[in-house]
């Protein structure tokens, strides 16, 4: 799924999504030069945030 779709789901801006990717808190892959974020990576990120908040 493209990064632009996730920024809408997570209510995060483009810069923040790329910051999370650079800091390896959000997993992404490159396919033919396009950055993609697997749905399971978003789920893992959200679950990690919930655990940190608890």
N, C-alpha and C. Protein backbone atom coordinates (compact mmCIF):
# COMPACT_ATOMS: atom_id res chain seq x y z
N UNK A 1 0.85 -1.17 0.00
CA UNK A 1 0.00 0.00 0.00
C UNK A 1 0.90 1.24 0.00
N UNK A 2 0.60 2.22 -0.84
CA UNK A 2 1.44 3.41 -0.88
C UNK A 2 1.45 4.18 0.44
N UNK A 3 2.56 4.84 0.71
CA UNK A 3 2.68 5.63 1.93
C UNK A 3 1.60 6.69 2.06
N UNK A 4 1.14 7.23 0.94
CA UNK A 4 0.12 8.28 0.98
C UNK A 4 -1.19 7.78 1.55
N UNK A 5 -1.50 6.50 1.35
CA UNK A 5 -2.73 5.94 1.91
C UNK A 5 -2.62 5.79 3.42
N UNK A 6 -1.43 5.44 3.89
CA UNK A 6 -1.25 5.24 5.33
C UNK A 6 -1.25 6.53 6.10
N UNK A 7 -0.72 7.59 5.50
CA UNK A 7 -0.71 8.85 6.24
C UNK A 7 -2.13 9.30 6.52
N UNK A 8 -3.07 8.97 5.64
CA UNK A 8 -4.47 9.28 5.88
C UNK A 8 -5.07 8.40 6.96
N UNK A 9 -4.71 7.13 6.94
CA UNK A 9 -5.23 6.20 7.95
C UNK A 9 -4.69 6.52 9.33
N UNK A 10 -3.43 6.90 9.39
CA UNK A 10 -2.80 7.17 10.67
C UNK A 10 -2.97 8.62 11.11
N UNK A 11 -3.50 9.45 10.23
CA UNK A 11 -3.66 10.89 10.50
C UNK A 11 -2.29 11.53 10.74
N UNK A 12 -1.30 11.11 9.93
CA UNK A 12 0.04 11.65 10.00
C UNK A 12 0.39 12.29 8.67
N UNK A 13 1.23 13.29 8.72
CA UNK A 13 1.69 13.93 7.50
C UNK A 13 2.77 13.12 6.82
N UNK A 14 3.06 13.49 5.58
CA UNK A 14 4.06 12.80 4.77
C UNK A 14 5.42 12.80 5.46
N UNK A 15 5.83 13.94 6.00
CA UNK A 15 7.13 14.05 6.66
C UNK A 15 7.23 13.10 7.84
N UNK A 16 6.18 13.01 8.63
CA UNK A 16 6.19 12.14 9.81
C UNK A 16 6.28 10.68 9.39
N UNK A 17 5.55 10.30 8.35
CA UNK A 17 5.61 8.91 7.86
C UNK A 17 7.04 8.58 7.45
N UNK A 18 7.69 9.48 6.70
CA UNK A 18 9.07 9.22 6.29
C UNK A 18 10.02 9.24 7.47
N UNK A 19 9.78 10.06 8.48
CA UNK A 19 10.59 10.03 9.70
C UNK A 19 10.48 8.67 10.38
N UNK A 20 9.28 8.13 10.45
CA UNK A 20 9.07 6.82 11.07
C UNK A 20 9.77 5.72 10.27
N UNK A 21 9.77 5.84 8.95
CA UNK A 21 10.46 4.87 8.11
C UNK A 21 11.97 4.97 8.34
N UNK A 22 12.50 6.20 8.34
CA UNK A 22 13.95 6.41 8.55
C UNK A 22 14.41 5.89 9.90
N UNK A 23 13.56 6.07 10.92
CA UNK A 23 13.93 5.62 12.27
C UNK A 23 13.62 4.14 12.49
N UNK A 24 13.13 3.50 11.44
CA UNK A 24 12.81 2.05 11.45
C UNK A 24 11.71 1.68 12.43
N UNK A 25 10.88 2.65 12.76
CA UNK A 25 9.70 2.36 13.60
C UNK A 25 8.54 1.90 12.75
N UNK A 26 8.60 2.19 11.45
CA UNK A 26 7.57 1.78 10.49
C UNK A 26 8.29 1.11 9.33
N UNK A 27 7.95 -0.14 9.06
CA UNK A 27 8.61 -0.92 8.02
C UNK A 27 8.05 -0.56 6.65
N UNK A 28 8.95 -0.44 5.68
CA UNK A 28 8.53 -0.20 4.30
C UNK A 28 9.43 -1.00 3.37
N UNK A 29 8.97 -1.16 2.14
CA UNK A 29 9.74 -1.84 1.11
C UNK A 29 9.70 -0.99 -0.15
N UNK A 30 10.68 -1.20 -1.02
CA UNK A 30 10.69 -0.52 -2.31
C UNK A 30 10.36 -1.52 -3.40
N UNK A 31 9.43 -1.15 -4.26
CA UNK A 31 9.07 -1.96 -5.41
C UNK A 31 9.17 -1.06 -6.63
N UNK A 32 10.10 -1.38 -7.52
CA UNK A 32 10.32 -0.57 -8.73
C UNK A 32 10.48 0.91 -8.41
N UNK A 33 11.19 1.22 -7.34
CA UNK A 33 11.46 2.61 -6.97
C UNK A 33 10.38 3.28 -6.15
N UNK A 34 9.24 2.62 -5.97
CA UNK A 34 8.14 3.20 -5.19
C UNK A 34 8.19 2.63 -3.77
N UNK A 35 8.04 3.48 -2.78
CA UNK A 35 8.05 3.06 -1.38
C UNK A 35 6.67 2.54 -1.03
N UNK A 36 6.61 1.34 -0.46
CA UNK A 36 5.34 0.71 -0.07
C UNK A 36 5.41 0.32 1.40
N UNK A 37 4.29 0.45 2.09
CA UNK A 37 4.19 0.08 3.50
C UNK A 37 3.16 -1.04 3.61
N UNK A 38 3.60 -2.24 3.99
CA UNK A 38 2.66 -3.34 4.13
C UNK A 38 1.61 -3.05 5.23
N UNK A 39 0.41 -3.53 5.02
CA UNK A 39 -0.66 -3.34 5.98
C UNK A 39 -0.25 -3.88 7.35
N UNK A 40 0.41 -5.03 7.37
CA UNK A 40 0.84 -5.62 8.65
C UNK A 40 1.84 -4.71 9.37
N UNK A 41 2.63 -3.93 8.62
CA UNK A 41 3.57 -3.00 9.25
C UNK A 41 2.83 -1.88 9.98
N UNK A 42 1.74 -1.42 9.39
CA UNK A 42 0.93 -0.39 10.04
C UNK A 42 0.30 -0.96 11.30
N UNK A 43 -0.22 -2.17 11.21
CA UNK A 43 -0.84 -2.82 12.37
C UNK A 43 0.19 -3.00 13.49
N UNK A 44 1.40 -3.44 13.14
CA UNK A 44 2.46 -3.61 14.14
C UNK A 44 2.82 -2.28 14.78
N UNK A 45 2.90 -1.23 13.98
CA UNK A 45 3.23 0.10 14.51
C UNK A 45 2.16 0.55 15.50
N UNK A 46 0.91 0.40 15.14
CA UNK A 46 -0.18 0.83 16.02
C UNK A 46 -0.19 0.01 17.31
N UNK A 47 -0.02 -1.29 17.20
CA UNK A 47 0.01 -2.14 18.40
C UNK A 47 1.19 -1.75 19.31
N UNK A 48 2.33 -1.44 18.71
CA UNK A 48 3.49 -1.01 19.50
C UNK A 48 3.21 0.30 20.23
N UNK A 49 2.51 1.21 19.58
CA UNK A 49 2.16 2.48 20.21
C UNK A 49 1.18 2.26 21.37
N UNK A 50 0.26 1.34 21.20
CA UNK A 50 -0.70 1.03 22.27
C UNK A 50 0.02 0.43 23.47
N UNK A 51 0.98 -0.49 23.20
CA UNK A 51 1.74 -1.11 24.29
C UNK A 51 2.58 -0.08 25.03
N UNK A 52 3.19 0.86 24.29
CA UNK A 52 3.99 1.90 24.94
C UNK A 52 3.14 2.81 25.82
N UNK A 53 1.90 3.04 25.40
CA UNK A 53 1.02 3.94 26.14
C UNK A 53 0.46 3.27 27.41
N UNK A 54 0.45 1.95 27.42
CA UNK A 54 -0.15 1.23 28.56
C UNK A 54 0.76 1.18 29.76
